[in-house]
N, C-alpha and C. Protein backbone atom coordinates (compact mmCIF):
# COMPACT_ATOMS: atom_id res chain seq x y z
N MET A 1 61.55 4.88 159.67
CA MET A 1 62.60 6.10 158.57
C MET A 1 63.32 5.96 159.01
N SER A 2 64.20 6.23 158.72
CA SER A 2 65.82 6.24 158.33
C SER A 2 66.17 7.80 158.51
N ARG A 3 67.29 8.15 158.83
CA ARG A 3 67.59 9.16 158.49
C ARG A 3 67.60 9.96 157.65
N LEU A 4 67.90 9.69 156.85
CA LEU A 4 68.04 10.18 155.02
C LEU A 4 66.85 10.81 154.39
N ASP A 5 66.13 9.05 154.83
CA ASP A 5 64.33 9.50 154.51
C ASP A 5 63.80 10.62 155.20
N SER A 6 64.30 10.91 156.09
CA SER A 6 63.37 11.73 156.72
C SER A 6 63.96 13.19 156.60
N PHE A 7 65.37 13.36 156.57
CA PHE A 7 65.95 14.92 155.66
C PHE A 7 65.57 15.19 154.62
N ILE A 8 65.44 14.11 153.43
CA ILE A 8 64.75 14.74 152.39
C ILE A 8 63.01 15.00 152.36
N ARG A 9 62.40 14.18 153.16
CA ARG A 9 60.86 14.27 153.46
C ARG A 9 60.83 15.83 154.11
N ARG A 10 61.67 16.50 155.00
CA ARG A 10 61.95 17.38 155.79
C ARG A 10 62.54 18.94 154.52
N MET A 11 63.10 17.86 153.20
CA MET A 11 63.29 19.25 152.52
C MET A 11 62.36 19.40 151.66
N THR A 12 61.93 18.24 151.07
CA THR A 12 61.15 18.42 150.27
C THR A 12 59.91 19.44 150.50
N SER A 13 59.51 18.79 151.78
CA SER A 13 58.26 19.73 152.46
C SER A 13 58.70 21.60 152.38
N GLN A 14 59.81 21.41 152.76
CA GLN A 14 60.26 23.03 153.10
C GLN A 14 60.60 23.57 151.74
N LYS A 15 60.34 22.89 150.55
CA LYS A 15 60.96 23.57 149.50
C LYS A 15 59.61 23.96 148.91
N ILE A 16 58.42 23.18 148.74
CA ILE A 16 57.17 23.43 148.59
C ILE A 16 56.24 23.88 148.98
N ILE A 17 56.35 24.15 150.99
CA ILE A 17 55.75 25.37 150.99
C ILE A 17 56.10 26.26 150.80
N LEU A 18 57.83 26.89 150.37
CA LEU A 18 58.59 28.17 150.11
C LEU A 18 57.66 28.24 148.75
N GLU A 19 57.76 27.68 147.55
CA GLU A 19 57.31 27.89 146.36
C GLU A 19 56.39 28.22 146.44
N SER A 20 54.59 27.49 147.78
CA SER A 20 54.08 27.75 147.20
C SER A 20 53.26 29.58 148.00
N LEU A 21 54.49 30.18 148.33
CA LEU A 21 54.01 31.01 148.98
C LEU A 21 54.71 32.37 148.27
N ILE A 22 55.51 31.98 147.59
CA ILE A 22 56.09 33.15 146.34
C ILE A 22 54.93 34.41 146.12
N ASP A 23 53.74 34.05 145.21
CA ASP A 23 53.32 35.54 145.31
C ASP A 23 52.94 35.82 146.34
N LYS A 24 52.30 35.46 147.25
CA LYS A 24 51.07 36.00 148.68
C LYS A 24 52.71 36.57 149.36
N VAL A 25 53.84 36.16 149.00
CA VAL A 25 54.69 37.17 150.03
C VAL A 25 55.37 38.36 149.11
N ASN A 26 55.09 37.91 147.72
CA ASN A 26 55.06 39.36 146.98
C ASN A 26 54.58 40.53 147.01
N GLU A 27 53.63 39.80 147.77
CA GLU A 27 52.25 40.46 147.75
C GLU A 27 52.24 42.02 149.22
N VAL A 28 53.32 41.90 149.72
CA VAL A 28 53.48 42.51 151.07
C VAL A 28 54.98 42.75 150.85
N ASP A 29 55.27 43.90 150.76
CA ASP A 29 56.57 44.45 150.78
C ASP A 29 57.10 44.52 152.53
N GLY A 30 58.59 44.64 151.88
CA GLY A 30 58.97 44.42 153.42
C GLY A 30 60.50 43.05 152.56
N PRO A 31 61.74 43.35 153.47
CA PRO A 31 62.57 42.50 153.26
C PRO A 31 62.24 40.66 154.10
N ILE A 32 62.66 39.90 153.42
CA ILE A 32 63.04 38.78 154.11
C ILE A 32 64.24 38.17 154.86
N LEU A 33 63.75 37.66 156.25
CA LEU A 33 64.34 37.15 156.81
C LEU A 33 64.74 36.00 157.20
N GLU A 34 66.01 35.12 157.04
CA GLU A 34 66.73 33.72 157.19
C GLU A 34 66.74 33.80 158.66
N LEU A 35 66.34 33.04 159.31
CA LEU A 35 67.04 33.07 160.66
C LEU A 35 67.56 31.75 160.51
N GLY A 36 68.39 31.41 160.55
CA GLY A 36 69.25 30.12 160.41
C GLY A 36 69.83 29.58 159.35
N LEU A 37 70.59 30.69 159.62
CA LEU A 37 71.68 29.94 158.18
C LEU A 37 72.03 28.69 157.58
N GLY A 38 72.84 27.86 158.50
CA GLY A 38 73.40 26.95 158.40
C GLY A 38 74.30 26.15 157.62
N ASN A 39 73.98 25.41 155.80
CA ASN A 39 75.07 25.40 155.45
C ASN A 39 74.43 26.05 154.01
N GLY A 40 73.20 27.05 154.54
CA GLY A 40 73.23 27.77 153.50
C GLY A 40 72.20 27.30 151.49
N ARG A 41 71.63 26.00 152.02
CA ARG A 41 70.87 25.68 150.60
C ARG A 41 69.62 26.82 150.94
N THR A 42 68.74 26.98 151.59
CA THR A 42 67.37 27.62 152.04
C THR A 42 67.64 28.99 151.34
N TYR A 43 68.75 29.51 152.02
CA TYR A 43 68.56 31.18 151.53
C TYR A 43 69.02 31.01 150.09
N ASP A 44 70.32 30.53 149.79
CA ASP A 44 69.99 30.06 148.42
C ASP A 44 69.29 29.90 147.61
N HIS A 45 67.94 28.79 147.33
CA HIS A 45 66.59 28.81 146.92
C HIS A 45 65.52 30.04 147.13
N LEU A 46 66.18 30.86 148.73
CA LEU A 46 65.19 32.32 148.58
C LEU A 46 65.88 33.12 148.05
N ARG A 47 66.70 33.13 147.49
CA ARG A 47 67.92 34.58 146.68
C ARG A 47 67.31 34.09 144.90
N GLU A 48 66.87 32.90 144.86
CA GLU A 48 66.80 32.53 143.01
C GLU A 48 65.53 32.51 143.42
N ILE A 49 63.72 32.67 144.40
CA ILE A 49 62.55 32.42 144.26
C ILE A 49 62.44 34.09 144.44
N TYR A 50 62.98 34.98 144.98
CA TYR A 50 62.94 36.18 145.50
C TYR A 50 63.80 37.37 145.00
N PRO A 51 64.06 37.24 143.92
CA PRO A 51 65.20 38.01 143.40
C PRO A 51 64.84 39.53 143.76
N ASN A 52 63.62 39.35 143.60
CA ASN A 52 63.68 41.49 144.24
C ASN A 52 63.34 41.76 145.61
N LYS A 53 63.79 40.90 146.10
CA LYS A 53 63.79 40.79 147.64
C LYS A 53 64.84 40.91 148.48
N GLU A 54 64.99 42.16 149.21
CA GLU A 54 66.37 41.56 150.31
C GLU A 54 66.42 40.68 151.44
N ILE A 55 66.99 40.58 151.83
CA ILE A 55 67.08 39.01 152.55
C ILE A 55 68.37 39.38 153.56
N PHE A 56 67.67 38.99 154.73
CA PHE A 56 68.66 39.42 156.09
C PHE A 56 68.72 38.02 156.70
N VAL A 57 70.58 37.85 156.65
CA VAL A 57 70.08 36.04 157.84
C VAL A 57 70.61 36.47 158.93
N PHE A 58 70.27 36.00 159.88
CA PHE A 58 70.76 35.37 161.11
C PHE A 58 71.79 34.61 161.72
N ASP A 59 72.54 34.45 162.23
CA ASP A 59 72.24 33.83 162.64
C ASP A 59 74.31 33.14 163.37
N HIS A 60 74.68 32.89 164.51
CA HIS A 60 75.79 32.46 164.89
C HIS A 60 77.76 32.67 164.46
N ALA A 61 77.35 32.13 163.13
CA ALA A 61 78.55 32.05 162.92
C ALA A 61 77.98 31.56 161.17
N LEU A 62 78.93 32.32 160.63
CA LEU A 62 79.17 31.42 159.07
C LEU A 62 79.51 30.53 158.85
N THR A 63 79.25 29.01 158.40
CA THR A 63 79.71 28.25 158.02
C THR A 63 79.31 27.24 156.78
N CYS A 64 78.39 28.24 156.02
CA CYS A 64 77.75 27.49 154.72
C CYS A 64 79.24 27.37 153.90
N HIS A 65 78.80 27.25 153.15
CA HIS A 65 79.59 26.95 151.97
C HIS A 65 79.32 28.20 151.42
N PRO A 66 80.57 29.17 150.51
CA PRO A 66 80.68 30.29 149.69
C PRO A 66 80.18 31.08 148.57
N SER A 67 79.67 29.72 148.01
CA SER A 67 78.77 30.47 147.03
C SER A 67 77.13 30.63 147.40
N CYS A 68 77.25 30.35 148.91
CA CYS A 68 75.71 30.51 149.58
C CYS A 68 75.66 31.30 150.72
N ALA A 69 76.72 32.02 150.74
CA ALA A 69 76.83 33.13 151.44
C ALA A 69 76.52 34.24 151.49
N PRO A 70 76.03 34.76 152.41
CA PRO A 70 75.57 36.39 152.22
C PRO A 70 76.29 37.28 152.38
N ASP A 71 76.66 38.13 151.17
CA ASP A 71 77.01 39.47 151.38
C ASP A 71 77.33 40.00 153.22
N ALA A 72 78.54 41.13 153.35
CA ALA A 72 78.13 41.54 154.88
C ALA A 72 77.48 41.97 155.35
N GLU A 73 77.26 43.15 154.21
CA GLU A 73 75.97 43.83 154.92
C GLU A 73 74.52 42.73 155.57
N HIS A 74 73.96 41.70 154.63
CA HIS A 74 72.95 41.03 154.61
C HIS A 74 72.94 39.55 155.41
N MET A 75 73.92 39.85 156.15
CA MET A 75 74.66 38.37 157.27
C MET A 75 74.87 39.37 158.69
N ILE A 76 73.94 38.94 159.87
CA ILE A 76 74.01 39.58 160.50
C ILE A 76 74.24 38.44 161.67
N GLN A 77 75.34 38.63 162.21
CA GLN A 77 76.17 37.12 163.23
C GLN A 77 76.17 37.49 164.68
N GLY A 78 75.58 36.83 165.39
CA GLY A 78 76.05 36.56 166.70
C GLY A 78 74.29 36.20 167.04
N ASP A 79 74.57 35.93 168.51
CA ASP A 79 73.19 34.64 168.82
C ASP A 79 72.18 35.74 168.35
N ILE A 80 71.07 34.92 168.31
CA ILE A 80 69.61 35.37 167.18
C ILE A 80 68.87 36.65 168.70
N ARG A 81 68.75 35.69 169.96
CA ARG A 81 68.09 36.35 170.78
C ARG A 81 68.37 37.76 170.65
N ASP A 82 69.66 38.23 170.64
CA ASP A 82 70.25 39.57 170.62
C ASP A 82 70.27 40.32 169.16
N THR A 83 71.12 39.46 168.12
CA THR A 83 70.85 40.33 166.91
C THR A 83 69.07 40.74 166.67
N LEU A 84 68.31 39.74 166.47
CA LEU A 84 67.23 40.26 166.39
C LEU A 84 66.58 41.32 167.00
N ALA A 85 66.62 41.80 168.65
CA ALA A 85 65.88 42.50 168.92
C ALA A 85 66.17 43.60 168.72
N PHE A 86 67.93 43.97 167.83
CA PHE A 86 68.00 45.77 167.39
C PHE A 86 68.16 45.57 166.16
N CYS A 87 67.96 44.67 165.41
CA CYS A 87 68.59 44.65 163.73
C CYS A 87 67.43 45.96 162.85
N GLY A 88 66.51 46.48 164.00
CA GLY A 88 65.26 47.07 162.98
C GLY A 88 65.93 48.14 161.86
N PRO A 89 67.38 49.08 162.65
CA PRO A 89 67.79 49.83 161.66
C PRO A 89 68.20 49.96 160.72
N ARG A 90 69.00 48.63 160.94
CA ARG A 90 69.87 47.69 159.58
C ARG A 90 68.73 47.17 158.90
N VAL A 91 68.01 46.87 158.96
CA VAL A 91 67.07 45.46 158.16
C VAL A 91 66.43 46.89 157.62
N GLY A 92 66.14 47.77 158.39
CA GLY A 92 64.91 48.86 157.54
C GLY A 92 63.40 48.43 158.13
N GLY A 93 62.31 48.71 157.37
CA GLY A 93 60.89 48.16 157.32
C GLY A 93 60.62 46.65 157.71
N LYS A 94 59.56 46.55 158.11
CA LYS A 94 59.00 45.03 158.82
C LYS A 94 59.29 43.85 157.39
N ALA A 95 59.36 42.91 158.02
CA ALA A 95 59.44 41.89 156.59
C ALA A 95 58.45 40.91 156.22
N SER A 96 58.51 40.93 154.77
CA SER A 96 57.12 40.37 154.26
C SER A 96 57.54 38.80 154.76
N PHE A 97 58.77 38.50 154.82
CA PHE A 97 58.04 36.84 154.96
C PHE A 97 59.62 36.98 156.10
N ALA A 98 59.89 35.50 156.57
CA ALA A 98 60.66 34.88 158.09
C ALA A 98 60.73 33.38 157.77
N HIS A 99 61.72 32.80 157.49
CA HIS A 99 62.30 31.63 157.27
C HIS A 99 63.16 31.09 159.01
N ILE A 100 62.33 30.39 159.58
CA ILE A 100 62.52 30.26 160.71
C ILE A 100 63.18 28.96 160.54
N ASP A 101 64.28 28.81 160.90
CA ASP A 101 65.07 27.20 160.88
C ASP A 101 66.06 27.19 161.91
N ILE A 102 65.54 27.69 163.53
CA ILE A 102 66.51 27.04 164.47
C ILE A 102 66.21 26.42 165.59
N GLY A 103 65.01 25.38 165.10
CA GLY A 103 64.69 24.04 165.94
C GLY A 103 65.81 23.41 166.34
N SER A 104 65.69 23.10 167.74
CA SER A 104 67.24 22.06 168.05
C SER A 104 66.47 20.39 168.11
N GLY A 105 65.25 20.59 168.07
CA GLY A 105 65.24 18.53 167.80
C GLY A 105 64.60 18.06 169.46
N ASP A 106 65.60 19.28 170.18
CA ASP A 106 64.99 18.98 171.84
C ASP A 106 63.70 19.56 171.98
N PRO A 107 63.06 19.04 172.74
CA PRO A 107 61.73 19.77 173.20
C PRO A 107 61.41 20.58 174.04
N THR A 108 62.62 20.82 175.40
CA THR A 108 62.70 22.09 176.41
C THR A 108 63.24 23.01 175.35
N THR A 109 64.57 22.99 175.11
CA THR A 109 65.30 24.02 174.33
C THR A 109 64.40 24.33 173.32
N ASP A 110 63.74 24.10 172.54
CA ASP A 110 62.34 24.23 171.83
C ASP A 110 61.78 25.57 172.56
N LEU A 111 60.90 24.70 173.55
CA LEU A 111 60.10 25.70 174.16
C LEU A 111 60.32 26.83 174.67
N ALA A 112 61.99 26.67 175.11
CA ALA A 112 62.40 28.38 175.75
C ALA A 112 63.06 28.78 174.55
N THR A 113 63.10 28.23 172.86
CA THR A 113 63.33 28.97 172.34
C THR A 113 61.96 29.98 171.48
N VAL A 114 61.32 29.14 171.26
CA VAL A 114 59.22 29.90 171.17
C VAL A 114 59.24 30.88 172.44
N HIS A 115 59.67 30.13 173.39
CA HIS A 115 59.47 31.69 174.41
C HIS A 115 59.63 32.81 173.84
N TRP A 116 61.34 33.42 173.86
CA TRP A 116 61.82 34.50 173.33
C TRP A 116 61.30 34.70 172.30
N LEU A 117 60.83 34.33 170.98
CA LEU A 117 61.10 34.20 170.01
C LEU A 117 59.84 35.00 169.56
N ALA A 118 58.47 34.74 169.69
CA ALA A 118 57.56 34.65 169.35
C ALA A 118 57.18 36.30 169.22
N PRO A 119 57.67 37.14 170.80
CA PRO A 119 57.36 38.24 170.90
C PRO A 119 58.05 39.26 170.03
N MET A 120 59.61 39.10 169.67
CA MET A 120 60.84 39.18 168.79
C MET A 120 60.20 38.96 167.63
N ILE A 121 59.75 38.18 167.10
CA ILE A 121 59.20 38.00 165.65
C ILE A 121 58.17 38.38 164.93
N ASP A 122 57.45 39.39 166.33
CA ASP A 122 55.60 39.52 166.34
C ASP A 122 56.35 40.80 165.71
N GLU A 123 57.30 41.26 166.35
CA GLU A 123 57.15 42.80 166.53
C GLU A 123 58.46 42.96 164.92
N ARG A 124 58.74 42.03 164.60
CA ARG A 124 60.00 42.43 162.91
C ARG A 124 58.98 42.11 161.88
N MET A 125 57.54 41.92 161.89
CA MET A 125 56.69 41.66 160.54
C MET A 125 55.82 42.08 160.30
N ALA A 126 55.68 42.31 159.30
CA ALA A 126 54.69 43.65 159.14
C ALA A 126 53.63 42.97 158.79
N VAL A 127 52.36 43.59 158.31
CA VAL A 127 51.05 42.39 158.85
C VAL A 127 50.19 42.31 157.37
N GLY A 128 50.44 41.24 157.12
CA GLY A 128 50.01 40.47 155.60
C GLY A 128 51.36 39.71 155.40
N GLY A 129 52.74 39.17 156.43
CA GLY A 129 53.84 38.84 156.42
C GLY A 129 53.55 37.16 156.76
N TYR A 130 54.71 36.61 155.98
CA TYR A 130 54.41 35.53 156.33
C TYR A 130 55.88 34.77 156.92
N ILE A 131 54.70 33.24 157.83
CA ILE A 131 56.50 32.92 158.55
C ILE A 131 56.27 31.45 157.99
N LEU A 132 57.56 30.90 158.19
CA LEU A 132 57.57 29.06 157.65
C LEU A 132 58.50 28.66 158.91
N THR A 133 58.41 28.50 159.39
CA THR A 133 58.77 27.29 161.07
C THR A 133 58.41 25.92 161.38
N GLY A 134 59.35 25.21 161.49
CA GLY A 134 59.42 24.26 162.58
C GLY A 134 58.89 24.25 163.60
N LEU A 135 58.78 25.62 164.32
CA LEU A 135 58.47 25.64 165.27
C LEU A 135 57.11 26.01 165.57
N GLU A 136 56.34 25.57 166.67
CA GLU A 136 55.06 26.26 166.85
C GLU A 136 54.85 27.03 167.42
N LEU A 137 54.63 28.48 166.57
CA LEU A 137 54.67 29.58 167.71
C LEU A 137 53.27 30.11 168.14
N LYS A 138 53.13 30.66 169.33
CA LYS A 138 51.70 31.18 169.81
C LYS A 138 51.88 32.77 169.71
N LEU A 139 51.26 32.96 168.06
CA LEU A 139 51.29 34.55 168.24
C LEU A 139 49.40 34.93 167.80
N PRO A 140 49.01 35.47 169.13
CA PRO A 140 47.60 35.99 168.86
C PRO A 140 47.05 36.56 167.95
N ASN A 141 48.15 37.06 167.09
CA ASN A 141 47.50 38.40 165.90
C ASN A 141 48.55 37.32 164.71
N PHE A 142 48.40 36.17 164.66
CA PHE A 142 48.40 35.54 163.34
C PHE A 142 47.80 34.31 163.35
N GLU A 143 47.28 34.25 161.74
CA GLU A 143 46.48 33.07 161.15
C GLU A 143 47.55 31.94 161.06
N HIS A 144 46.97 30.55 161.84
CA HIS A 144 47.69 29.63 161.49
C HIS A 144 47.67 28.43 159.84
N LEU A 145 48.21 29.01 158.90
CA LEU A 145 47.39 28.56 157.81
C LEU A 145 47.59 27.12 157.40
N PRO A 146 47.37 26.35 157.04
CA PRO A 146 47.01 24.81 156.56
C PRO A 146 48.47 24.31 155.66
N ASN A 147 49.12 23.74 155.93
CA ASN A 147 50.06 23.09 155.02
C ASN A 147 49.16 22.68 153.50
N PRO A 148 50.16 22.75 152.28
CA PRO A 148 49.62 22.26 151.42
C PRO A 148 49.52 21.02 151.49
N GLU A 149 48.64 20.58 150.67
CA GLU A 149 47.62 19.19 150.78
C GLU A 149 49.36 18.13 150.46
N GLY A 150 48.98 17.04 151.13
CA GLY A 150 50.54 16.29 151.41
C GLY A 150 51.67 16.40 152.37
N ILE A 151 51.68 17.50 153.13
CA ILE A 151 52.41 18.14 153.64
C ILE A 151 51.98 18.04 155.27
N LYS A 152 52.90 16.96 156.39
CA LYS A 152 52.48 16.81 157.41
C LYS A 152 52.41 17.89 158.17
N ALA A 153 51.25 17.99 159.11
CA ALA A 153 51.15 19.11 159.41
C ALA A 153 51.34 19.51 160.82
N ASP A 154 52.53 18.63 161.57
CA ASP A 154 53.41 18.58 162.79
C ASP A 154 54.55 19.23 162.64
N ARG A 155 55.19 19.01 160.91
CA ARG A 155 56.48 19.20 161.29
C ARG A 155 57.03 20.82 160.64
N ASN A 156 55.69 21.45 159.42
CA ASN A 156 56.45 22.76 159.42
C ASN A 156 54.92 23.59 159.33
N PHE A 157 55.43 24.62 160.17
CA PHE A 157 53.98 25.78 160.36
C PHE A 157 54.16 26.90 159.73
N ILE A 158 52.73 27.36 159.43
CA ILE A 158 52.95 28.26 158.53
C ILE A 158 52.17 29.56 159.43
N TYR A 159 52.37 30.24 158.86
CA TYR A 159 51.33 31.88 159.73
C TYR A 159 51.38 32.93 159.23
N ARG A 160 50.22 33.78 159.24
CA ARG A 160 50.20 35.19 158.91
C ARG A 160 50.14 36.15 159.49
N LYS A 161 50.26 37.46 159.58
CA LYS A 161 49.92 38.59 160.76
C LYS A 161 48.73 38.81 159.91
N THR A 162 47.73 38.83 160.92
CA THR A 162 46.54 39.76 160.72
C THR A 162 46.52 40.98 161.47
N SER A 163 47.53 41.16 162.03
CA SER A 163 46.89 42.73 162.71
C SER A 163 47.75 42.85 163.76
N GLU A 164 48.82 43.97 164.34
CA GLU A 164 49.52 44.73 165.28
C GLU A 164 48.89 44.14 166.76
N ALA A 165 49.87 43.73 167.18
CA ALA A 165 49.56 43.33 168.19
C ALA A 165 49.04 44.07 169.29
């Protein structure tokens, strides 16, 4: 499969999953966390499908198209390991949804990321909140939900927080 075909499949899967979660996420109070802004496509889509939710974006740099940039209040810039740990006062309540797109594609780097990310994201999520990520997280107080039909099981992972740790 070409890299273009792989990219199209990944974006299509991501859009299908994001849209399948809209009603469920809207039932949970709290903001949305977007970990990894990149060029801003997913953030822009989140703004469209969640017009009544605050969306806080975390990334080391602001490099997206200007039309996809969050305002200064909602852009939390710096190393996500540092900023996620101390964002509570700025973000306010626990999150109803987190979209995590910070995988590197390198198994060792991703394993290290999962190690520090899992306890931090657990702390930031509301009970009943959802996570969509390309990283397989080991979270004992979350249920791993199946992907919508037709979406490969090992490319995207959907989790729902069932209780406090």
